[in-house]
Amino acid sequence: TRALDGSARWKVAQLDNDLWTGGAMNRFSCALGREIGAATTPATQRLLRRVELDTRTVGTPPKDFYNRKRPPLGDARPICVPRETWMETNASYPSGHSMAGWSWGLVLAEIQPAKASALMVAGREIGQSRIVCGVHFASDVAAGRALASAMVARLHADPQFMADLEAAKAELASAPATTPKSCAAYR
């Protein structure tokens, strides 16, 4: 994937790296046709924030146990995110970004079933972007998706999650349809 350096897909992978401030969240806004954000959809934003924090809780024990080194360590080829010291201490397996993206896709698809295909593609592509960027192996991404699926299934037994899910459903049902200008990057 390092040969993709400078390509349109590389640039999308760079956007997907940023889960919150315009990147991955924007991809989901494009898939939904509604802008997700603290100002526009606060209940939905809170739900997704909670789910992302849950992915950290679920993903950290296997990261610590397997302690798999990331692909760019000892490899000078380009990666699409800045090389930083956290890459040396934050294990590669499973991919946290993949967990977050897949979880968000599952949750948002439940909220807006008519958009399920586009939302699941968005969730899948956020994980794929980690491979494109050169910061995860494919098995890291697959493991992240598997853990995310199990976690979201388990969250359905949590009354607070279910209340938050219902609040987000009501909010998105009345949110105005919009297509952010930046959606062109994902076509």
N, C-alpha and C. Protein backbone atom coordinates (compact mmCIF):
# COMPACT_ATOMS: atom_id res chain seq x y z
N THR A 1 0.82 -1.22 0.00
CA THR A 1 0.00 0.00 0.00
C THR A 1 0.85 1.26 0.00
N ARG A 2 2.12 1.14 0.32
CA ARG A 2 2.96 2.34 0.38
C ARG A 2 3.09 2.99 -0.99
N ALA A 3 2.85 2.23 -2.04
CA ALA A 3 2.89 2.78 -3.40
C ALA A 3 1.74 3.75 -3.64
N LEU A 4 0.76 3.75 -2.76
CA LEU A 4 -0.37 4.68 -2.89
C LEU A 4 -0.03 6.09 -2.40
N ASP A 5 1.16 6.28 -1.86
CA ASP A 5 1.60 7.59 -1.36
C ASP A 5 1.27 8.68 -2.38
N GLY A 6 0.52 9.69 -1.94
CA GLY A 6 0.16 10.82 -2.79
C GLY A 6 -1.12 10.62 -3.60
N SER A 7 -1.65 9.41 -3.61
CA SER A 7 -2.87 9.13 -4.39
C SER A 7 -4.12 9.64 -3.67
N ALA A 8 -5.23 9.62 -4.36
CA ALA A 8 -6.51 10.03 -3.76
C ALA A 8 -6.85 9.11 -2.58
N ARG A 9 -6.60 7.80 -2.71
CA ARG A 9 -6.91 6.87 -1.62
C ARG A 9 -6.03 7.14 -0.41
N TRP A 10 -4.79 7.51 -0.63
CA TRP A 10 -3.87 7.86 0.46
C TRP A 10 -4.41 9.08 1.22
N LYS A 11 -4.88 10.06 0.46
CA LYS A 11 -5.43 11.27 1.09
C LYS A 11 -6.68 10.96 1.90
N VAL A 12 -7.53 10.07 1.40
CA VAL A 12 -8.71 9.66 2.16
C VAL A 12 -8.28 8.94 3.44
N ALA A 13 -7.26 8.10 3.34
CA ALA A 13 -6.76 7.40 4.53
C ALA A 13 -6.26 8.40 5.57
N GLN A 14 -5.65 9.48 5.12
CA GLN A 14 -5.21 10.52 6.05
C GLN A 14 -6.42 11.16 6.74
N LEU A 15 -7.49 11.39 5.99
CA LEU A 15 -8.71 11.94 6.59
C LEU A 15 -9.29 10.97 7.61
N ASP A 16 -9.35 9.69 7.25
CA ASP A 16 -9.93 8.68 8.13
C ASP A 16 -9.15 8.52 9.43
N ASN A 17 -7.88 8.86 9.42
CA ASN A 17 -7.07 8.75 10.63
C ASN A 17 -7.64 9.61 11.76
N ASP A 18 -8.23 10.73 11.42
CA ASP A 18 -8.79 11.66 12.40
C ASP A 18 -10.22 11.24 12.70
N LEU A 19 -10.42 10.55 13.81
CA LEU A 19 -11.76 10.04 14.11
C LEU A 19 -12.77 11.14 14.39
N TRP A 20 -12.36 12.22 15.01
CA TRP A 20 -13.36 13.16 15.52
C TRP A 20 -13.46 14.50 14.81
N THR A 21 -12.39 15.14 14.52
CA THR A 21 -12.49 16.54 14.06
C THR A 21 -12.51 16.63 12.54
N GLY A 22 -13.50 16.04 11.94
CA GLY A 22 -13.70 16.21 10.52
C GLY A 22 -13.38 15.02 9.66
N GLY A 23 -12.57 14.08 10.14
CA GLY A 23 -12.15 12.97 9.31
C GLY A 23 -13.16 11.86 9.22
N ALA A 24 -12.99 10.84 10.05
CA ALA A 24 -13.87 9.67 10.00
C ALA A 24 -15.32 10.05 10.27
N MET A 25 -15.54 10.96 11.20
CA MET A 25 -16.92 11.37 11.50
C MET A 25 -17.56 12.01 10.27
N ASN A 26 -16.77 12.74 9.51
CA ASN A 26 -17.29 13.32 8.27
C ASN A 26 -17.69 12.23 7.28
N ARG A 27 -16.91 11.16 7.21
CA ARG A 27 -17.25 10.04 6.32
C ARG A 27 -18.63 9.49 6.67
N PHE A 28 -18.91 9.35 7.97
CA PHE A 28 -20.22 8.86 8.38
C PHE A 28 -21.32 9.87 8.10
N SER A 29 -21.03 11.15 8.26
CA SER A 29 -22.02 12.18 7.90
C SER A 29 -22.37 12.06 6.42
N CYS A 30 -21.38 11.84 5.60
CA CYS A 30 -21.61 11.68 4.16
C CYS A 30 -22.48 10.45 3.88
N ALA A 31 -22.19 9.34 4.55
CA ALA A 31 -22.96 8.12 4.36
C ALA A 31 -24.40 8.27 4.84
N LEU A 32 -24.58 9.03 5.91
CA LEU A 32 -25.92 9.25 6.46
C LEU A 32 -26.72 10.28 5.67
N GLY A 33 -26.01 11.25 5.09
CA GLY A 33 -26.70 12.38 4.48
C GLY A 33 -27.20 13.36 5.53
N ARG A 34 -26.58 13.31 6.71
CA ARG A 34 -26.89 14.21 7.82
C ARG A 34 -25.58 14.51 8.54
N GLU A 35 -25.41 15.75 8.93
CA GLU A 35 -24.17 16.12 9.60
C GLU A 35 -24.20 15.67 11.05
N ILE A 36 -23.19 14.88 11.43
CA ILE A 36 -23.04 14.44 12.81
C ILE A 36 -22.06 15.38 13.49
N GLY A 37 -22.44 15.90 14.63
CA GLY A 37 -21.54 16.77 15.37
C GLY A 37 -22.17 17.23 16.66
N ALA A 38 -21.35 17.78 17.54
CA ALA A 38 -21.83 18.23 18.84
C ALA A 38 -22.90 19.30 18.71
N ALA A 39 -22.78 20.18 17.73
CA ALA A 39 -23.75 21.27 17.56
C ALA A 39 -25.01 20.80 16.83
N THR A 40 -24.87 19.85 15.91
CA THR A 40 -26.00 19.45 15.07
C THR A 40 -26.75 18.24 15.60
N THR A 41 -26.04 17.29 16.16
CA THR A 41 -26.65 16.05 16.66
C THR A 41 -25.95 15.64 17.97
N PRO A 42 -26.20 16.38 19.05
CA PRO A 42 -25.46 16.11 20.30
C PRO A 42 -25.72 14.71 20.88
N ALA A 43 -26.93 14.20 20.79
CA ALA A 43 -27.21 12.86 21.34
C ALA A 43 -26.46 11.79 20.56
N THR A 44 -26.43 11.94 19.24
CA THR A 44 -25.70 10.99 18.40
C THR A 44 -24.21 11.09 18.67
N GLN A 45 -23.71 12.29 18.79
CA GLN A 45 -22.28 12.50 19.08
C GLN A 45 -21.92 11.85 20.42
N ARG A 46 -22.77 12.03 21.44
CA ARG A 46 -22.50 11.41 22.75
C ARG A 46 -22.48 9.89 22.65
N LEU A 47 -23.43 9.33 21.90
CA LEU A 47 -23.48 7.88 21.73
C LEU A 47 -22.21 7.37 21.05
N LEU A 48 -21.80 8.02 19.99
CA LEU A 48 -20.60 7.58 19.28
C LEU A 48 -19.34 7.77 20.13
N ARG A 49 -19.29 8.81 20.91
CA ARG A 49 -18.15 9.03 21.82
C ARG A 49 -18.10 7.89 22.84
N ARG A 50 -19.26 7.54 23.39
CA ARG A 50 -19.32 6.46 24.37
C ARG A 50 -18.84 5.15 23.74
N VAL A 51 -19.31 4.86 22.54
CA VAL A 51 -18.93 3.63 21.85
C VAL A 51 -17.42 3.62 21.59
N GLU A 52 -16.87 4.75 21.19
CA GLU A 52 -15.44 4.80 20.94
C GLU A 52 -14.65 4.57 22.22
N LEU A 53 -15.11 5.11 23.34
CA LEU A 53 -14.45 4.86 24.62
C LEU A 53 -14.57 3.38 25.00
N ASP A 54 -15.72 2.77 24.71
CA ASP A 54 -15.89 1.35 24.97
C ASP A 54 -14.92 0.51 24.14
N THR A 55 -14.64 0.94 22.90
CA THR A 55 -13.70 0.17 22.08
C THR A 55 -12.30 0.18 22.71
N ARG A 56 -11.97 1.26 23.38
CA ARG A 56 -10.67 1.31 24.05
C ARG A 56 -10.64 0.32 25.21
N THR A 57 -11.73 0.26 25.96
CA THR A 57 -11.81 -0.67 27.08
C THR A 57 -11.70 -2.12 26.61
N VAL A 58 -12.36 -2.43 25.52
CA VAL A 58 -12.35 -3.79 24.98
C VAL A 58 -11.04 -4.08 24.24
N GLY A 59 -10.49 -3.10 23.55
CA GLY A 59 -9.31 -3.32 22.72
C GLY A 59 -7.99 -3.30 23.46
N THR A 60 -7.92 -2.63 24.59
CA THR A 60 -6.64 -2.50 25.30
C THR A 60 -6.11 -3.83 25.84
N PRO A 61 -6.92 -4.68 26.46
CA PRO A 61 -6.34 -5.94 26.96
C PRO A 61 -5.67 -6.79 25.87
N PRO A 62 -6.29 -7.01 24.70
CA PRO A 62 -5.55 -7.78 23.70
C PRO A 62 -4.33 -7.04 23.15
N LYS A 63 -4.41 -5.70 23.06
CA LYS A 63 -3.22 -4.95 22.63
C LYS A 63 -2.07 -5.21 23.60
N ASP A 64 -2.39 -5.13 24.90
CA ASP A 64 -1.36 -5.36 25.91
C ASP A 64 -0.85 -6.80 25.89
N PHE A 65 -1.75 -7.75 25.70
CA PHE A 65 -1.37 -9.16 25.73
C PHE A 65 -0.49 -9.53 24.55
N TYR A 66 -0.92 -9.17 23.33
CA TYR A 66 -0.17 -9.57 22.14
C TYR A 66 1.02 -8.65 21.85
N ASN A 67 0.90 -7.40 22.20
CA ASN A 67 1.97 -6.42 22.04
C ASN A 67 2.65 -6.49 20.67
N ARG A 68 1.85 -6.61 19.64
CA ARG A 68 2.38 -6.70 18.28
C ARG A 68 2.91 -5.34 17.85
N LYS A 69 4.12 -5.33 17.33
CA LYS A 69 4.73 -4.08 16.85
C LYS A 69 4.05 -3.63 15.57
N ARG A 70 3.96 -2.33 15.41
CA ARG A 70 3.32 -1.76 14.22
C ARG A 70 4.21 -1.89 12.98
N PRO A 71 3.59 -1.95 11.80
CA PRO A 71 4.36 -2.12 10.55
C PRO A 71 5.45 -1.07 10.31
N PRO A 72 5.25 0.20 10.69
CA PRO A 72 6.31 1.16 10.33
C PRO A 72 7.56 1.09 11.21
N LEU A 73 7.51 0.34 12.30
CA LEU A 73 8.68 0.27 13.17
C LEU A 73 9.78 -0.52 12.45
N GLY A 74 10.88 0.12 12.23
CA GLY A 74 11.99 -0.49 11.51
C GLY A 74 11.82 -0.48 10.00
N ASP A 75 10.86 0.28 9.52
CA ASP A 75 10.57 0.35 8.08
C ASP A 75 10.47 1.82 7.72
N ALA A 76 11.35 2.31 6.91
CA ALA A 76 11.43 3.73 6.59
C ALA A 76 10.51 4.16 5.45
N ARG A 77 9.78 3.21 4.86
CA ARG A 77 8.88 3.59 3.77
C ARG A 77 7.82 4.56 4.29
N PRO A 78 7.20 5.34 3.40
CA PRO A 78 6.24 6.35 3.84
C PRO A 78 5.01 5.75 4.52
N ILE A 79 4.50 6.47 5.49
CA ILE A 79 3.19 6.19 6.09
C ILE A 79 2.39 7.47 5.98
N CYS A 80 1.08 7.37 6.04
CA CYS A 80 0.27 8.57 5.75
C CYS A 80 -0.08 9.38 6.99
N VAL A 81 0.50 9.05 8.11
CA VAL A 81 0.32 9.84 9.33
C VAL A 81 1.71 10.19 9.86
N PRO A 82 1.81 11.21 10.68
CA PRO A 82 3.13 11.56 11.22
C PRO A 82 3.71 10.41 12.06
N ARG A 83 5.00 10.16 11.90
CA ARG A 83 5.68 9.18 12.76
C ARG A 83 5.86 9.82 14.13
N GLU A 84 5.29 9.15 15.13
CA GLU A 84 5.36 9.68 16.49
C GLU A 84 5.75 8.56 17.45
N THR A 85 6.20 8.94 18.63
CA THR A 85 6.70 7.96 19.60
C THR A 85 5.61 7.02 20.09
N TRP A 86 4.34 7.42 20.08
CA TRP A 86 3.29 6.52 20.56
C TRP A 86 3.24 5.23 19.75
N MET A 87 3.71 5.28 18.51
CA MET A 87 3.69 4.07 17.68
C MET A 87 4.59 2.97 18.25
N GLU A 88 5.56 3.35 19.06
CA GLU A 88 6.45 2.37 19.65
C GLU A 88 5.83 1.68 20.86
N THR A 89 4.84 2.31 21.49
CA THR A 89 4.26 1.76 22.72
C THR A 89 2.81 1.32 22.55
N ASN A 90 2.13 1.75 21.51
CA ASN A 90 0.74 1.37 21.28
C ASN A 90 0.73 0.22 20.27
N ALA A 91 0.37 -0.95 20.75
CA ALA A 91 0.45 -2.15 19.92
C ALA A 91 -0.49 -2.08 18.72
N SER A 92 -0.16 -2.86 17.73
CA SER A 92 -0.87 -2.85 16.46
C SER A 92 -2.14 -3.71 16.47
N TYR A 93 -2.13 -4.80 17.25
CA TYR A 93 -3.21 -5.80 17.22
C TYR A 93 -4.01 -5.74 18.50
N PRO A 94 -5.32 -5.51 18.40
CA PRO A 94 -6.17 -5.21 17.25
C PRO A 94 -6.18 -3.71 16.96
N SER A 95 -6.69 -3.34 15.81
CA SER A 95 -6.75 -1.93 15.42
C SER A 95 -7.91 -1.22 16.13
N GLY A 96 -7.56 -0.21 16.90
CA GLY A 96 -8.57 0.59 17.58
C GLY A 96 -9.41 1.41 16.62
N HIS A 97 -8.78 1.96 15.58
CA HIS A 97 -9.55 2.71 14.58
C HIS A 97 -10.56 1.80 13.88
N SER A 98 -10.14 0.57 13.60
CA SER A 98 -11.07 -0.38 12.97
C SER A 98 -12.23 -0.69 13.90
N MET A 99 -11.92 -0.85 15.17
CA MET A 99 -12.99 -1.11 16.15
C MET A 99 -13.97 0.05 16.18
N ALA A 100 -13.44 1.27 16.25
CA ALA A 100 -14.32 2.44 16.31
C ALA A 100 -15.15 2.56 15.03
N GLY A 101 -14.50 2.48 13.88
CA GLY A 101 -15.22 2.63 12.62
C GLY A 101 -16.29 1.58 12.43
N TRP A 102 -15.96 0.32 12.71
CA TRP A 102 -16.93 -0.77 12.54
C TRP A 102 -18.07 -0.63 13.54
N SER A 103 -17.75 -0.29 14.78
CA SER A 103 -18.78 -0.08 15.81
C SER A 103 -19.73 1.03 15.41
N TRP A 104 -19.16 2.14 14.95
CA TRP A 104 -20.01 3.26 14.53
C TRP A 104 -20.89 2.85 13.36
N GLY A 105 -20.34 2.10 12.42
CA GLY A 105 -21.14 1.63 11.29
C GLY A 105 -22.31 0.78 11.76
N LEU A 106 -22.04 -0.15 12.67
CA LEU A 106 -23.10 -1.02 13.19
C LEU A 106 -24.18 -0.22 13.91
N VAL A 107 -23.76 0.68 14.78
CA VAL A 107 -24.72 1.47 15.57
C VAL A 107 -25.54 2.39 14.66
N LEU A 108 -24.86 3.10 13.77
CA LEU A 108 -25.58 4.02 12.88
C LEU A 108 -26.48 3.27 11.90
N ALA A 109 -26.08 2.08 11.47
CA ALA A 109 -26.93 1.28 10.58
C ALA A 109 -28.20 0.84 11.30
N GLU A 110 -28.08 0.59 12.58
CA GLU A 110 -29.27 0.26 13.37
C GLU A 110 -30.20 1.47 13.50
N ILE A 111 -29.61 2.63 13.62
CA ILE A 111 -30.41 3.86 13.74
C ILE A 111 -31.07 4.22 12.42
N GLN A 112 -30.34 4.09 11.32
CA GLN A 112 -30.83 4.46 9.99
C GLN A 112 -30.69 3.25 9.05
N PRO A 113 -31.56 2.24 9.17
CA PRO A 113 -31.41 1.02 8.37
C PRO A 113 -31.40 1.27 6.86
N ALA A 114 -32.07 2.30 6.39
CA ALA A 114 -32.08 2.58 4.96
C ALA A 114 -30.70 2.97 4.45
N LYS A 115 -29.82 3.38 5.32
CA LYS A 115 -28.46 3.78 4.95
C LYS A 115 -27.42 2.75 5.38
N ALA A 116 -27.87 1.56 5.78
CA ALA A 116 -26.97 0.56 6.36
C ALA A 116 -25.80 0.22 5.45
N SER A 117 -26.04 0.02 4.17
CA SER A 117 -24.94 -0.37 3.27
C SER A 117 -23.86 0.70 3.24
N ALA A 118 -24.25 1.94 3.04
CA ALA A 118 -23.28 3.04 2.99
C ALA A 118 -22.55 3.20 4.32
N LEU A 119 -23.26 3.01 5.42
CA LEU A 119 -22.65 3.16 6.74
C LEU A 119 -21.65 2.05 7.02
N MET A 120 -21.97 0.83 6.60
CA MET A 120 -21.05 -0.27 6.83
C MET A 120 -19.83 -0.16 5.91
N VAL A 121 -20.02 0.36 4.71
CA VAL A 121 -18.87 0.63 3.83
C VAL A 121 -17.96 1.66 4.50
N ALA A 122 -18.56 2.70 5.07
CA ALA A 122 -17.75 3.72 5.77
C ALA A 122 -16.97 3.08 6.92
N GLY A 123 -17.62 2.24 7.70
CA GLY A 123 -16.94 1.58 8.81
C GLY A 123 -15.82 0.68 8.34
N ARG A 124 -16.07 -0.06 7.25
CA ARG A 124 -15.03 -0.94 6.69
C ARG A 124 -13.85 -0.13 6.18
N GLU A 125 -14.14 0.95 5.46
CA GLU A 125 -13.07 1.73 4.85
C GLU A 125 -12.19 2.45 5.87
N ILE A 126 -12.74 2.79 7.02
CA ILE A 126 -11.90 3.40 8.06
C ILE A 126 -10.84 2.40 8.50
N GLY A 127 -11.22 1.14 8.62
CA GLY A 127 -10.24 0.11 8.94
C GLY A 127 -9.24 -0.09 7.80
N GLN A 128 -9.74 -0.16 6.58
CA GLN A 128 -8.85 -0.34 5.43
C GLN A 128 -7.84 0.80 5.33
N SER A 129 -8.25 1.98 5.73
CA SER A 129 -7.34 3.13 5.69
C SER A 129 -6.13 2.93 6.59
N ARG A 130 -6.30 2.16 7.65
CA ARG A 130 -5.16 1.90 8.54
C ARG A 130 -4.11 1.03 7.84
N ILE A 131 -4.58 0.15 6.95
CA ILE A 131 -3.65 -0.67 6.16
C ILE A 131 -3.00 0.21 5.10
N VAL A 132 -3.81 1.03 4.42
CA VAL A 132 -3.28 1.94 3.40
C VAL A 132 -2.21 2.85 4.01
N CYS A 133 -2.48 3.35 5.20
CA CYS A 133 -1.52 4.24 5.86
C CYS A 133 -0.23 3.54 6.26
N GLY A 134 -0.26 2.23 6.36
CA GLY A 134 0.92 1.50 6.75
C GLY A 134 1.12 1.42 8.25
N VAL A 135 0.05 1.63 9.03
CA VAL A 135 0.18 1.60 10.49
C VAL A 135 -0.46 0.37 11.12
N HIS A 136 -1.10 -0.48 10.32
CA HIS A 136 -1.68 -1.74 10.80
C HIS A 136 -1.55 -2.81 9.75
N PHE A 137 -1.50 -4.04 10.21
CA PHE A 137 -1.57 -5.20 9.35
C PHE A 137 -3.04 -5.54 9.10
N ALA A 138 -3.32 -6.27 8.04
CA ALA A 138 -4.70 -6.65 7.72
C ALA A 138 -5.34 -7.45 8.86
N SER A 139 -4.57 -8.31 9.52
CA SER A 139 -5.14 -9.09 10.62
C SER A 139 -5.50 -8.20 11.82
N ASP A 140 -4.81 -7.09 12.01
CA ASP A 140 -5.16 -6.13 13.07
C ASP A 140 -6.55 -5.56 12.81
N VAL A 141 -6.79 -5.24 11.55
CA VAL A 141 -8.07 -4.64 11.14
C VAL A 141 -9.19 -5.68 11.28
N ALA A 142 -8.95 -6.89 10.84
CA ALA A 142 -9.96 -7.95 10.95
C ALA A 142 -10.30 -8.21 12.42
N ALA A 143 -9.29 -8.25 13.28
CA ALA A 143 -9.53 -8.47 14.70
C ALA A 143 -10.32 -7.31 15.30
N GLY A 144 -10.02 -6.09 14.87
CA GLY A 144 -10.77 -4.94 15.35
C GLY A 144 -12.24 -5.03 15.00
N ARG A 145 -12.54 -5.47 13.79
CA ARG A 145 -13.94 -5.62 13.38
C ARG A 145 -14.64 -6.70 14.19
N ALA A 146 -13.95 -7.82 14.40
CA ALA A 146 -14.55 -8.91 15.17
C ALA A 146 -14.86 -8.47 16.60
N LEU A 147 -13.90 -7.81 17.24
CA LEU A 147 -14.13 -7.32 18.60
C LEU A 147 -15.24 -6.28 18.64
N ALA A 148 -15.28 -5.42 17.64
CA ALA A 148 -16.33 -4.40 17.59
C ALA A 148 -17.71 -5.04 17.48
N SER A 149 -17.83 -6.05 16.65
CA SER A 149 -19.12 -6.73 16.49
C SER A 149 -19.60 -7.34 17.80
N ALA A 150 -18.70 -8.01 18.49
CA ALA A 150 -19.05 -8.61 19.78
C ALA A 150 -19.40 -7.54 20.81
N MET A 151 -18.63 -6.45 20.82
CA MET A 151 -18.88 -5.40 21.79
C MET A 151 -20.24 -4.74 21.57
N VAL A 152 -20.56 -4.42 20.32
CA VAL A 152 -21.85 -3.77 20.04
C VAL A 152 -22.99 -4.72 20.39
N ALA A 153 -22.84 -5.99 20.08
CA ALA A 153 -23.88 -6.96 20.46
C ALA A 153 -24.08 -6.96 21.97
N ARG A 154 -22.99 -6.95 22.71
CA ARG A 154 -23.07 -6.94 24.18
C ARG A 154 -23.67 -5.64 24.71
N LEU A 155 -23.40 -4.53 24.07
CA LEU A 155 -23.94 -3.25 24.53
C LEU A 155 -25.46 -3.23 24.53
N HIS A 156 -26.08 -4.06 23.72
CA HIS A 156 -27.54 -4.09 23.68
C HIS A 156 -28.16 -4.60 24.98
N ALA A 157 -27.37 -5.17 25.87
CA ALA A 157 -27.85 -5.58 27.18
C ALA A 157 -27.72 -4.47 28.22
N ASP A 158 -27.16 -3.34 27.82
CA ASP A 158 -26.94 -2.21 28.72
C ASP A 158 -28.08 -1.20 28.58
N PRO A 159 -28.88 -1.00 29.62
CA PRO A 159 -30.02 -0.08 29.52
C PRO A 159 -29.61 1.35 29.13
N GLN A 160 -28.47 1.82 29.60
CA GLN A 160 -28.04 3.18 29.26
C GLN A 160 -27.70 3.29 27.78
N PHE A 161 -27.01 2.28 27.25
CA PHE A 161 -26.73 2.26 25.82
C PHE A 161 -28.02 2.28 25.03
N MET A 162 -28.99 1.48 25.42
CA MET A 162 -30.26 1.41 24.69
C MET A 162 -31.00 2.75 24.75
N ALA A 163 -30.95 3.42 25.90
CA ALA A 163 -31.57 4.75 26.02
C ALA A 163 -30.85 5.75 25.12
N ASP A 164 -29.53 5.69 25.10
CA ASP A 164 -28.74 6.59 24.24
C ASP A 164 -29.02 6.29 22.76
N LEU A 165 -29.18 5.02 22.43
CA LEU A 165 -29.48 4.62 21.06
C LEU A 165 -30.84 5.19 20.63
N GLU A 166 -31.83 5.08 21.50
CA GLU A 166 -33.16 5.61 21.18
C GLU A 166 -33.13 7.13 21.03
N ALA A 167 -32.36 7.81 21.87
CA ALA A 167 -32.24 9.27 21.76
C ALA A 167 -31.60 9.65 20.43
N ALA A 168 -30.59 8.91 20.03
CA ALA A 168 -29.94 9.19 18.74
C ALA A 168 -30.88 8.90 17.58
N LYS A 169 -31.67 7.84 17.67
CA LYS A 169 -32.65 7.53 16.62
C LYS A 169 -33.63 8.69 16.44
N ALA A 170 -34.16 9.18 17.55
CA ALA A 170 -35.12 10.29 17.49
C ALA A 170 -34.45 11.54 16.92
N GLU A 171 -33.24 11.80 17.34
CA GLU A 171 -32.53 12.99 16.89
C GLU A 171 -32.25 12.93 15.39
N LEU A 172 -31.73 11.80 14.91
CA LEU A 172 -31.40 11.68 13.49
C LEU A 172 -32.65 11.64 12.61
N ALA A 173 -33.76 11.16 13.16
CA ALA A 173 -35.00 11.13 12.38
C ALA A 173 -35.47 12.54 12.04
N SER A 174 -35.14 13.49 12.89
CA SER A 174 -35.57 14.86 12.64
C SER A 174 -34.44 15.78 12.16
N ALA A 175 -33.24 15.25 12.06
CA ALA A 175 -32.10 16.06 11.59
C ALA A 175 -32.27 16.36 10.10
N PRO A 176 -31.96 17.58 9.70
CA PRO A 176 -32.11 17.92 8.28
C PRO A 176 -31.12 17.15 7.40
N ALA A 177 -31.59 16.74 6.25
CA ALA A 177 -30.72 16.08 5.28
C ALA A 177 -29.75 17.11 4.72
N THR A 178 -28.49 16.70 4.60
CA THR A 178 -27.47 17.59 4.08
C THR A 178 -26.34 16.74 3.50
N THR A 179 -25.64 17.29 2.58
CA THR A 179 -24.46 16.62 2.05
C THR A 179 -23.28 17.57 2.22
N PRO A 180 -22.42 17.27 3.19
CA PRO A 180 -21.25 18.14 3.39
C PRO A 180 -20.41 18.24 2.12
N LYS A 181 -19.83 19.41 1.89
CA LYS A 181 -19.01 19.65 0.70
C LYS A 181 -17.86 18.65 0.58
N SER A 182 -17.34 18.25 1.72
CA SER A 182 -16.18 17.38 1.72
C SER A 182 -16.50 15.93 1.33
N CYS A 183 -17.75 15.62 1.05
CA CYS A 183 -18.11 14.24 0.69
C CYS A 183 -17.50 13.83 -0.65
N ALA A 184 -17.12 14.76 -1.45
CA ALA A 184 -16.52 14.45 -2.76
C ALA A 184 -15.26 13.61 -2.59
N ALA A 185 -14.56 13.72 -1.48
CA ALA A 185 -13.34 12.94 -1.24
C ALA A 185 -13.62 11.45 -1.20
N TYR A 186 -14.86 11.06 -0.85
CA TYR A 186 -15.19 9.64 -0.68
C TYR A 186 -15.84 9.02 -1.89
N ARG A 187 -15.92 9.73 -2.99
CA ARG A 187 -16.56 9.19 -4.19
C ARG A 187 -15.54 8.62 -5.12
